[in-house]
All heavy atoms as atom14 arrays in JSON, in Angstrom:
{
  "sequence": "HFLYNPQLRSSYNFSPAIMGMIFLLVCAMMTAVSIVRETETGTME",
  "atom14_mask": [
    [1, 1, 1, 1, 1, 1, 1, 1, 1, 1, 0, 0, 0, 0],
    [1, 1, 1, 1, 1, 1, 1, 1, 1, 1, 1, 0, 0, 0],
    [1, 1, 1, 1, 1, 1, 1, 1, 0, 0, 0, 0, 0, 0],
    [1, 1, 1, 1, 1, 1, 1, 1, 1, 1, 1, 1, 0, 0],
    [1, 1, 1, 1, 1, 1, 1, 1, 0, 0, 0, 0, 0, 0],
    [1, 1, 1, 1, 1, 1, 1, 0, 0, 0, 0, 0, 0, 0],
    [1, 1, 1, 1, 1, 1, 1, 1, 1, 0, 0, 0, 0, 0],
    [1, 1, 1, 1, 1, 1, 1, 1, 0, 0, 0, 0, 0, 0],
    [1, 1, 1, 1, 1, 1, 1, 1, 1, 1, 1, 0, 0, 0],
    [1, 1, 1, 1, 1, 1, 0, 0, 0, 0, 0, 0, 0, 0],
    [1, 1, 1, 1, 1, 1, 0, 0, 0, 0, 0, 0, 0, 0],
    [1, 1, 1, 1, 1, 1, 1, 1, 1, 1, 1, 1, 0, 0],
    [1, 1, 1, 1, 1, 1, 1, 1, 0, 0, 0, 0, 0, 0],
    [1, 1, 1, 1, 1, 1, 1, 1, 1, 1, 1, 0, 0, 0],
    [1, 1, 1, 1, 1, 1, 0, 0, 0, 0, 0, 0, 0, 0],
    [1, 1, 1, 1, 1, 1, 1, 0, 0, 0, 0, 0, 0, 0],
    [1, 1, 1, 1, 1, 0, 0, 0, 0, 0, 0, 0, 0, 0],
    [1, 1, 1, 1, 1, 1, 1, 1, 0, 0, 0, 0, 0, 0],
    [1, 1, 1, 1, 1, 1, 1, 1, 0, 0, 0, 0, 0, 0],
    [1, 1, 1, 1, 0, 0, 0, 0, 0, 0, 0, 0, 0, 0],
    [1, 1, 1, 1, 1, 1, 1, 1, 0, 0, 0, 0, 0, 0],
    [1, 1, 1, 1, 1, 1, 1, 1, 0, 0, 0, 0, 0, 0],
    [1, 1, 1, 1, 1, 1, 1, 1, 1, 1, 1, 0, 0, 0],
    [1, 1, 1, 1, 1, 1, 1, 1, 0, 0, 0, 0, 0, 0],
    [1, 1, 1, 1, 1, 1, 1, 1, 0, 0, 0, 0, 0, 0],
    [1, 1, 1, 1, 1, 1, 1, 0, 0, 0, 0, 0, 0, 0],
    [1, 1, 1, 1, 1, 1, 0, 0, 0, 0, 0, 0, 0, 0],
    [1, 1, 1, 1, 1, 0, 0, 0, 0, 0, 0, 0, 0, 0],
    [1, 1, 1, 1, 1, 1, 1, 1, 0, 0, 0, 0, 0, 0],
    [1, 1, 1, 1, 1, 1, 1, 1, 0, 0, 0, 0, 0, 0],
    [1, 1, 1, 1, 1, 1, 1, 0, 0, 0, 0, 0, 0, 0],
    [1, 1, 1, 1, 1, 0, 0, 0, 0, 0, 0, 0, 0, 0],
    [1, 1, 1, 1, 1, 1, 1, 0, 0, 0, 0, 0, 0, 0],
    [1, 1, 1, 1, 1, 1, 0, 0, 0, 0, 0, 0, 0, 0],
    [1, 1, 1, 1, 1, 1, 1, 1, 0, 0, 0, 0, 0, 0],
    [1, 1, 1, 1, 1, 1, 1, 0, 0, 0, 0, 0, 0, 0],
    [1, 1, 1, 1, 1, 1, 1, 1, 1, 1, 1, 0, 0, 0],
    [1, 1, 1, 1, 1, 1, 1, 1, 1, 0, 0, 0, 0, 0],
    [1, 1, 1, 1, 1, 1, 1, 0, 0, 0, 0, 0, 0, 0],
    [1, 1, 1, 1, 1, 1, 1, 1, 1, 0, 0, 0, 0, 0],
    [1, 1, 1, 1, 1, 1, 1, 0, 0, 0, 0, 0, 0, 0],
    [1, 1, 1, 1, 0, 0, 0, 0, 0, 0, 0, 0, 0, 0],
    [1, 1, 1, 1, 1, 1, 1, 0, 0, 0, 0, 0, 0, 0],
    [1, 1, 1, 1, 1, 1, 1, 1, 0, 0, 0, 0, 0, 0],
    [1, 1, 1, 1, 1, 1, 1, 1, 1, 0, 0, 0, 0, 0]
  ],
  "atom14_positions": [
    [[0.85, -1.18, 0.0], [0.0, 0.0, 0.0], [0.89, 1.24, 0.0], [1.86, 1.3, 0.76], [-0.92, 0.03, 1.23], [-1.91, -1.09, 1.27], [-3.1, -1.05, 0.57], [-1.9, -2.28, 1.93], [-3.78, -2.16, 0.79], [-3.07, -2.93, 1.62], [0.0, 0.0, 0.0], [0.0, 0.0, 0.0], [0.0, 0.0, 0.0], [0.0, 0.0, 0.0]],
    [[0.54, 2.23, -0.81], [1.25, 3.51, -0.83], [0.4, 4.54, -0.09], [-0.72, 4.84, -0.52], [1.52, 3.97, -2.27], [2.54, 3.14, -2.99], [2.15, 2.14, -3.86], [3.89, 3.36, -2.79], [3.09, 1.36, -4.53], [4.85, 2.58, -3.46], [4.44, 1.6, -4.32], [0.0, 0.0, 0.0], [0.0, 0.0, 0.0], [0.0, 0.0, 0.0]],
    [[0.93, 5.05, 1.0], [0.21, 6.0, 1.81], [0.35, 7.41, 1.25], [1.37, 7.76, 0.66], [0.71, 5.96, 3.25], [0.6, 4.62, 3.98], [1.15, 4.74, 5.4], [-0.84, 4.14, 4.01], [0.0, 0.0, 0.0], [0.0, 0.0, 0.0], [0.0, 0.0, 0.0], [0.0, 0.0, 0.0], [0.0, 0.0, 0.0], [0.0, 0.0, 0.0]],
    [[-0.68, 8.23, 1.47], [-0.71, 9.67, 1.16], [-0.74, 9.97, -0.33], [-1.31, 10.98, -0.72], [0.49, 10.4, 1.8], [0.73, 10.03, 3.23], [1.94, 9.46, 3.63], [-0.25, 10.23, 4.19], [2.15, 9.11, 4.96], [-0.04, 9.87, 5.52], [1.17, 9.31, 5.89], [1.37, 8.95, 7.19], [0.0, 0.0, 0.0], [0.0, 0.0, 0.0]],
    [[-0.12, 9.14, -1.15], [-0.12, 9.37, -2.6], [-0.25, 8.02, -3.3], [0.69, 7.55, -3.95], [1.18, 10.08, -3.02], [1.19, 10.45, -4.49], [0.16, 10.38, -5.17], [2.35, 10.82, -5.0], [0.0, 0.0, 0.0], [0.0, 0.0, 0.0], [0.0, 0.0, 0.0], [0.0, 0.0, 0.0], [0.0, 0.0, 0.0], [0.0, 0.0, 0.0]],
    [[-1.41, 7.39, -3.18], [-1.55, 6.02, -3.69], [-1.38, 5.9, -5.19], [-1.0, 4.84, -5.69], [-2.97, 5.63, -3.26], [-3.68, 6.92, -3.03], [-2.63, 7.88, -2.54], [0.0, 0.0, 0.0], [0.0, 0.0, 0.0], [0.0, 0.0, 0.0], [0.0, 0.0, 0.0], [0.0, 0.0, 0.0], [0.0, 0.0, 0.0], [0.0, 0.0, 0.0]],
    [[-1.66, 6.98, -5.94], [-1.52, 6.93, -7.39], [-0.13, 7.33, -7.86], [0.12, 7.41, -9.07], [-2.57, 7.83, -8.03], [-4.0, 7.35, -7.8], [-5.02, 8.26, -8.44], [-4.81, 9.46, -8.55], [-6.13, 7.69, -8.86], [0.0, 0.0, 0.0], [0.0, 0.0, 0.0], [0.0, 0.0, 0.0], [0.0, 0.0, 0.0], [0.0, 0.0, 0.0]],
    [[0.77, 7.62, -6.92], [2.16, 7.98, -7.22], [2.25, 9.17, -8.18], [3.06, 9.18, -9.1], [2.91, 6.77, -7.8], [2.97, 5.52, -6.91], [3.68, 4.4, -7.64], [3.65, 5.82, -5.59], [0.0, 0.0, 0.0], [0.0, 0.0, 0.0], [0.0, 0.0, 0.0], [0.0, 0.0, 0.0], [0.0, 0.0, 0.0], [0.0, 0.0, 0.0]],
    [[1.45, 10.19, -7.95], [1.46, 11.37, -8.81], [2.67, 12.23, -8.48], [2.9, 12.58, -7.32], [0.18, 12.19, -8.6], [-1.08, 11.51, -9.11], [-2.29, 12.38, -8.88], [-3.51, 11.79, -9.42], [-4.72, 12.3, -9.27], [-4.87, 13.42, -8.58], [-5.77, 11.69, -9.79], [0.0, 0.0, 0.0], [0.0, 0.0, 0.0], [0.0, 0.0, 0.0]],
    [[3.42, 12.6, -9.5], [4.6, 13.43, -9.28], [4.22, 14.85, -8.87], [5.01, 15.55, -8.23], [5.45, 13.47, -10.55], [4.7, 13.96, -11.65], [0.0, 0.0, 0.0], [0.0, 0.0, 0.0], [0.0, 0.0, 0.0], [0.0, 0.0, 0.0], [0.0, 0.0, 0.0], [0.0, 0.0, 0.0], [0.0, 0.0, 0.0], [0.0, 0.0, 0.0]],
    [[3.01, 15.3, -9.22], [2.58, 16.65, -8.84], [2.48, 16.78, -7.33], [2.65, 17.88, -6.78], [1.23, 16.97, -9.48], [0.23, 16.04, -9.08], [0.0, 0.0, 0.0], [0.0, 0.0, 0.0], [0.0, 0.0, 0.0], [0.0, 0.0, 0.0], [0.0, 0.0, 0.0], [0.0, 0.0, 0.0], [0.0, 0.0, 0.0], [0.0, 0.0, 0.0]],
    [[2.23, 15.7, -6.62], [2.19, 15.74, -5.16], [3.57, 16.06, -4.6], [3.69, 16.63, -3.52], [1.73, 14.38, -4.6], [0.24, 14.2, -4.58], [-0.56, 14.65, -5.63], [-0.4, 13.55, -3.52], [-1.93, 14.48, -5.63], [-1.78, 13.39, -3.51], [-2.53, 13.84, -4.56], [-3.89, 13.69, -4.55], [0.0, 0.0, 0.0], [0.0, 0.0, 0.0]],
    [[4.6, 15.69, -5.33], [5.96, 15.96, -4.89], [6.43, 17.34, -5.33], [7.06, 18.08, -4.56], [6.9, 14.89, -5.45], [8.35, 15.15, -5.11], [8.71, 15.29, -3.94], [9.2, 15.21, -6.1], [0.0, 0.0, 0.0], [0.0, 0.0, 0.0], [0.0, 0.0, 0.0], [0.0, 0.0, 0.0], [0.0, 0.0, 0.0], [0.0, 0.0, 0.0]],
    [[6.13, 17.72, -6.58], [6.67, 18.95, -7.14], [5.9, 20.2, -6.7], [6.49, 21.27, -6.59], [6.7, 18.88, -8.66], [7.81, 18.02, -9.2], [7.55, 16.98, -10.06], [9.12, 18.27, -8.82], [8.58, 16.19, -10.55], [10.16, 17.48, -9.31], [9.89, 16.45, -10.17], [0.0, 0.0, 0.0], [0.0, 0.0, 0.0], [0.0, 0.0, 0.0]],
    [[4.6, 20.1, -6.49], [3.82, 21.29, -6.16], [4.28, 21.96, -4.87], [4.51, 23.17, -4.85], [2.33, 20.94, -6.1], [1.86, 20.57, -7.38], [0.0, 0.0, 0.0], [0.0, 0.0, 0.0], [0.0, 0.0, 0.0], [0.0, 0.0, 0.0], [0.0, 0.0, 0.0], [0.0, 0.0, 0.0], [0.0, 0.0, 0.0], [0.0, 0.0, 0.0]],
    [[4.43, 21.24, -3.76], [4.97, 21.9, -2.57], [6.4, 22.39, -2.77], [6.79, 23.42, -2.22], [4.92, 20.8, -1.49], [3.91, 19.82, -1.98], [4.04, 19.85, -3.47], [0.0, 0.0, 0.0], [0.0, 0.0, 0.0], [0.0, 0.0, 0.0], [0.0, 0.0, 0.0], [0.0, 0.0, 0.0], [0.0, 0.0, 0.0], [0.0, 0.0, 0.0]],
    [[7.19, 21.65, -3.57], [8.59, 22.03, -3.76], [8.72, 23.31, -4.59], [9.55, 24.17, -4.28], [9.35, 20.89, -4.44], [0.0, 0.0, 0.0], [0.0, 0.0, 0.0], [0.0, 0.0, 0.0], [0.0, 0.0, 0.0], [0.0, 0.0, 0.0], [0.0, 0.0, 0.0], [0.0, 0.0, 0.0], [0.0, 0.0, 0.0], [0.0, 0.0, 0.0]],
    [[7.89, 23.44, -5.63], [8.02, 24.61, -6.5], [7.66, 25.88, -5.75], [8.11, 26.98, -6.11], [7.14, 24.43, -7.76], [7.53, 25.43, -8.86], [5.68, 24.59, -7.43], [8.93, 25.3, -9.34], [0.0, 0.0, 0.0], [0.0, 0.0, 0.0], [0.0, 0.0, 0.0], [0.0, 0.0, 0.0], [0.0, 0.0, 0.0], [0.0, 0.0, 0.0]],
    [[6.84, 25.77, -4.71], [6.5, 26.94, -3.91], [7.75, 27.56, -3.28], [7.88, 28.77, -3.17], [5.49, 26.57, -2.83], [4.13, 26.16, -3.39], [3.03, 25.45, -2.15], [2.74, 26.86, -1.1], [0.0, 0.0, 0.0], [0.0, 0.0, 0.0], [0.0, 0.0, 0.0], [0.0, 0.0, 0.0], [0.0, 0.0, 0.0], [0.0, 0.0, 0.0]],
    [[8.68, 26.71, -2.84], [9.91, 27.22, -2.25], [10.73, 28.03, -3.22], [11.4, 29.0, -2.82], [0.0, 0.0, 0.0], [0.0, 0.0, 0.0], [0.0, 0.0, 0.0], [0.0, 0.0, 0.0], [0.0, 0.0, 0.0], [0.0, 0.0, 0.0], [0.0, 0.0, 0.0], [0.0, 0.0, 0.0], [0.0, 0.0, 0.0], [0.0, 0.0, 0.0]],
    [[10.71, 27.69, -4.5], [11.47, 28.43, -5.5], [10.72, 29.67, -5.96], [11.33, 30.72, -6.22], [11.79, 27.54, -6.69], [12.75, 28.18, -7.7], [13.35, 27.02, -8.94], [11.85, 26.7, -9.84], [0.0, 0.0, 0.0], [0.0, 0.0, 0.0], [0.0, 0.0, 0.0], [0.0, 0.0, 0.0], [0.0, 0.0, 0.0], [0.0, 0.0, 0.0]],
    [[9.4, 29.59, -6.06], [8.61, 30.72, -6.54], [8.76, 31.91, -5.61], [8.94, 33.06, -6.05], [7.13, 30.32, -6.7], [6.96, 29.41, -7.92], [6.25, 31.56, -6.83], [5.57, 28.85, -8.07], [0.0, 0.0, 0.0], [0.0, 0.0, 0.0], [0.0, 0.0, 0.0], [0.0, 0.0, 0.0], [0.0, 0.0, 0.0], [0.0, 0.0, 0.0]],
    [[8.7, 31.68, -4.31], [8.76, 32.8, -3.37], [10.15, 33.42, -3.32], [10.29, 34.61, -3.06], [8.3, 32.35, -1.99], [6.85, 31.99, -1.93], [6.42, 30.82, -1.35], [5.91, 32.83, -2.51], [5.08, 30.49, -1.31], [4.56, 32.51, -2.49], [4.14, 31.34, -1.87], [0.0, 0.0, 0.0], [0.0, 0.0, 0.0], [0.0, 0.0, 0.0]],
    [[11.17, 32.62, -3.57], [12.5, 33.21, -3.69], [12.58, 34.08, -4.94], [13.2, 35.15, -4.93], [13.57, 32.12, -3.75], [13.96, 31.45, -2.43], [15.05, 30.43, -2.67], [14.42, 32.48, -1.43], [0.0, 0.0, 0.0], [0.0, 0.0, 0.0], [0.0, 0.0, 0.0], [0.0, 0.0, 0.0], [0.0, 0.0, 0.0], [0.0, 0.0, 0.0]],
    [[11.95, 33.62, -6.01], [11.97, 34.39, -7.26], [11.24, 35.72, -7.1], [11.74, 36.77, -7.48], [11.33, 33.57, -8.38], [11.19, 34.24, -9.75], [12.56, 34.48, -10.36], [10.34, 33.39, -10.68], [0.0, 0.0, 0.0], [0.0, 0.0, 0.0], [0.0, 0.0, 0.0], [0.0, 0.0, 0.0], [0.0, 0.0, 0.0], [0.0, 0.0, 0.0]],
    [[10.05, 35.68, -6.5], [9.23, 36.88, -6.38], [9.74, 37.79, -5.28], [9.88, 39.01, -5.47], [7.76, 36.5, -6.12], [6.91, 37.74, -5.86], [7.2, 35.73, -7.31], [0.0, 0.0, 0.0], [0.0, 0.0, 0.0], [0.0, 0.0, 0.0], [0.0, 0.0, 0.0], [0.0, 0.0, 0.0], [0.0, 0.0, 0.0], [0.0, 0.0, 0.0]],
    [[10.01, 37.2, -4.1], [10.38, 38.03, -2.94], [11.84, 38.44, -2.97], [12.16, 39.64, -2.99], [10.08, 37.26, -1.66], [8.37, 36.79, -1.47], [0.0, 0.0, 0.0], [0.0, 0.0, 0.0], [0.0, 0.0, 0.0], [0.0, 0.0, 0.0], [0.0, 0.0, 0.0], [0.0, 0.0, 0.0], [0.0, 0.0, 0.0], [0.0, 0.0, 0.0]],
    [[12.72, 37.46, -2.94], [14.14, 37.76, -2.79], [14.72, 38.46, -4.02], [15.29, 39.54, -3.93], [14.91, 36.47, -2.51], [0.0, 0.0, 0.0], [0.0, 0.0, 0.0], [0.0, 0.0, 0.0], [0.0, 0.0, 0.0], [0.0, 0.0, 0.0], [0.0, 0.0, 0.0], [0.0, 0.0, 0.0], [0.0, 0.0, 0.0], [0.0, 0.0, 0.0]],
    [[14.55, 37.84, -5.18], [15.19, 38.38, -6.38], [14.61, 39.74, -6.75], [15.35, 40.7, -7.01], [15.05, 37.4, -7.53], [15.78, 37.83, -8.8], [15.6, 36.63, -10.16], [16.47, 35.22, -9.47], [0.0, 0.0, 0.0], [0.0, 0.0, 0.0], [0.0, 0.0, 0.0], [0.0, 0.0, 0.0], [0.0, 0.0, 0.0], [0.0, 0.0, 0.0]],
    [[13.3, 39.86, -6.77], [12.69, 41.12, -7.21], [12.87, 42.23, -6.19], [13.02, 43.4, -6.55], [11.22, 40.9, -7.52], [10.99, 40.02, -8.72], [9.3, 40.01, -9.29], [9.48, 39.01, -10.77], [0.0, 0.0, 0.0], [0.0, 0.0, 0.0], [0.0, 0.0, 0.0], [0.0, 0.0, 0.0], [0.0, 0.0, 0.0], [0.0, 0.0, 0.0]],
    [[12.87, 41.89, -4.91], [13.13, 42.9, -3.89], [14.55, 43.43, -4.02], [14.79, 44.64, -3.96], [12.91, 42.32, -2.48], [11.57, 41.86, -2.38], [13.15, 43.37, -1.42], [0.0, 0.0, 0.0], [0.0, 0.0, 0.0], [0.0, 0.0, 0.0], [0.0, 0.0, 0.0], [0.0, 0.0, 0.0], [0.0, 0.0, 0.0], [0.0, 0.0, 0.0]],
    [[15.5, 42.53, -4.2], [16.9, 42.95, -4.35], [17.08, 43.84, -5.57], [17.71, 44.89, -5.51], [17.8, 41.72, -4.45], [0.0, 0.0, 0.0], [0.0, 0.0, 0.0], [0.0, 0.0, 0.0], [0.0, 0.0, 0.0], [0.0, 0.0, 0.0], [0.0, 0.0, 0.0], [0.0, 0.0, 0.0], [0.0, 0.0, 0.0], [0.0, 0.0, 0.0]],
    [[16.49, 43.42, -6.7], [16.63, 44.21, -7.92], [15.97, 45.57, -7.77], [16.49, 46.59, -8.23], [16.04, 43.43, -9.11], [15.98, 44.31, -10.36], [16.86, 42.18, -9.4], [0.0, 0.0, 0.0], [0.0, 0.0, 0.0], [0.0, 0.0, 0.0], [0.0, 0.0, 0.0], [0.0, 0.0, 0.0], [0.0, 0.0, 0.0], [0.0, 0.0, 0.0]],
    [[14.82, 45.61, -7.1], [14.11, 46.87, -6.93], [14.91, 47.86, -6.11], [15.02, 49.05, -6.47], [12.75, 46.61, -6.26], [12.09, 47.81, -5.96], [0.0, 0.0, 0.0], [0.0, 0.0, 0.0], [0.0, 0.0, 0.0], [0.0, 0.0, 0.0], [0.0, 0.0, 0.0], [0.0, 0.0, 0.0], [0.0, 0.0, 0.0], [0.0, 0.0, 0.0]],
    [[15.51, 47.41, -5.03], [16.29, 48.31, -4.17], [17.58, 48.74, -4.87], [17.97, 49.91, -4.83], [16.58, 47.64, -2.83], [15.28, 47.38, -2.08], [17.52, 48.49, -1.98], [15.44, 46.61, -0.78], [0.0, 0.0, 0.0], [0.0, 0.0, 0.0], [0.0, 0.0, 0.0], [0.0, 0.0, 0.0], [0.0, 0.0, 0.0], [0.0, 0.0, 0.0]],
    [[18.23, 47.79, -5.54], [19.47, 48.12, -6.25], [19.18, 49.1, -7.39], [19.99, 49.99, -7.67], [20.14, 46.84, -6.79], [21.29, 47.18, -7.71], [20.63, 45.98, -5.63], [0.0, 0.0, 0.0], [0.0, 0.0, 0.0], [0.0, 0.0, 0.0], [0.0, 0.0, 0.0], [0.0, 0.0, 0.0], [0.0, 0.0, 0.0], [0.0, 0.0, 0.0]],
    [[18.02, 48.96, -8.04], [17.66, 49.88, -9.11], [17.59, 51.32, -8.58], [18.03, 52.26, -9.24], [16.33, 49.48, -9.72], [15.94, 50.36, -10.92], [14.49, 50.14, -11.35], [14.26, 48.74, -11.66], [13.27, 48.01, -11.15], [12.44, 48.56, -10.28], [13.12, 46.76, -11.51], [0.0, 0.0, 0.0], [0.0, 0.0, 0.0], [0.0, 0.0, 0.0]],
    [[17.02, 51.49, -7.38], [16.94, 52.83, -6.78], [18.34, 53.39, -6.54], [18.61, 54.57, -6.79], [16.16, 52.76, -5.46], [14.72, 52.33, -5.6], [13.81, 53.46, -6.01], [14.32, 54.56, -6.32], [12.59, 53.27, -6.04], [0.0, 0.0, 0.0], [0.0, 0.0, 0.0], [0.0, 0.0, 0.0], [0.0, 0.0, 0.0], [0.0, 0.0, 0.0]],
    [[19.23, 52.55, -6.05], [20.6, 53.0, -5.78], [21.35, 53.29, -7.08], [22.09, 54.26, -7.19], [21.35, 51.93, -4.96], [20.6, 51.64, -3.78], [22.73, 52.41, -4.57], [0.0, 0.0, 0.0], [0.0, 0.0, 0.0], [0.0, 0.0, 0.0], [0.0, 0.0, 0.0], [0.0, 0.0, 0.0], [0.0, 0.0, 0.0], [0.0, 0.0, 0.0]],
    [[21.15, 52.42, -8.07], [21.88, 52.55, -9.34], [21.46, 53.81, -10.09], [22.29, 54.46, -10.72], [21.61, 51.31, -10.2], [22.48, 51.22, -11.44], [22.22, 49.95, -12.21], [21.24, 49.23, -11.87], [22.96, 49.66, -13.16], [0.0, 0.0, 0.0], [0.0, 0.0, 0.0], [0.0, 0.0, 0.0], [0.0, 0.0, 0.0], [0.0, 0.0, 0.0]],
    [[20.18, 54.17, -10.04], [19.69, 55.34, -10.76], [19.81, 56.62, -9.96], [19.54, 57.71, -10.49], [18.22, 55.13, -11.16], [17.44, 54.88, -9.98], [18.08, 53.97, -12.12], [0.0, 0.0, 0.0], [0.0, 0.0, 0.0], [0.0, 0.0, 0.0], [0.0, 0.0, 0.0], [0.0, 0.0, 0.0], [0.0, 0.0, 0.0], [0.0, 0.0, 0.0]],
    [[20.17, 56.51, -8.66], [20.36, 57.7, -7.84], [19.12, 58.18, -7.12], [19.18, 59.16, -6.36], [0.0, 0.0, 0.0], [0.0, 0.0, 0.0], [0.0, 0.0, 0.0], [0.0, 0.0, 0.0], [0.0, 0.0, 0.0], [0.0, 0.0, 0.0], [0.0, 0.0, 0.0], [0.0, 0.0, 0.0], [0.0, 0.0, 0.0], [0.0, 0.0, 0.0]],
    [[17.97, 57.52, -7.32], [16.75, 57.95, -6.65], [16.72, 57.59, -5.18], [15.94, 58.16, -4.41], [15.51, 57.34, -7.35], [15.68, 55.91, -7.4], [15.37, 57.88, -8.76], [0.0, 0.0, 0.0], [0.0, 0.0, 0.0], [0.0, 0.0, 0.0], [0.0, 0.0, 0.0], [0.0, 0.0, 0.0], [0.0, 0.0, 0.0], [0.0, 0.0, 0.0]],
    [[17.54, 56.63, -4.75], [17.6, 56.28, -3.34], [18.08, 57.47, -2.51], [17.6, 57.7, -1.39], [18.5, 55.07, -3.12], [18.62, 54.62, -1.67], [17.06, 54.05, -0.97], [16.93, 52.44, -1.72], [0.0, 0.0, 0.0], [0.0, 0.0, 0.0], [0.0, 0.0, 0.0], [0.0, 0.0, 0.0], [0.0, 0.0, 0.0], [0.0, 0.0, 0.0]],
    [[19.02, 58.23, -3.05], [19.52, 59.39, -2.32], [18.42, 60.43, -2.12], [18.35, 61.1, -1.09], [20.7, 60.0, -3.06], [21.91, 59.07, -3.15], [23.05, 59.71, -3.94], [22.87, 60.85, -4.4], [24.1, 59.06, -4.07], [0.0, 0.0, 0.0], [0.0, 0.0, 0.0], [0.0, 0.0, 0.0], [0.0, 0.0, 0.0], [0.0, 0.0, 0.0]]
  ]
}
């Protein structure tokens, strides 16, 4: 018997995992680029 994922669907494995990468992409990368853009263009000052 296979518990929790009896049909052995790979989406059960990848869906929670992809969330960890998506939030790094949206939060970390875009936040860093946004702040650096302000510094690079001089508007931060």
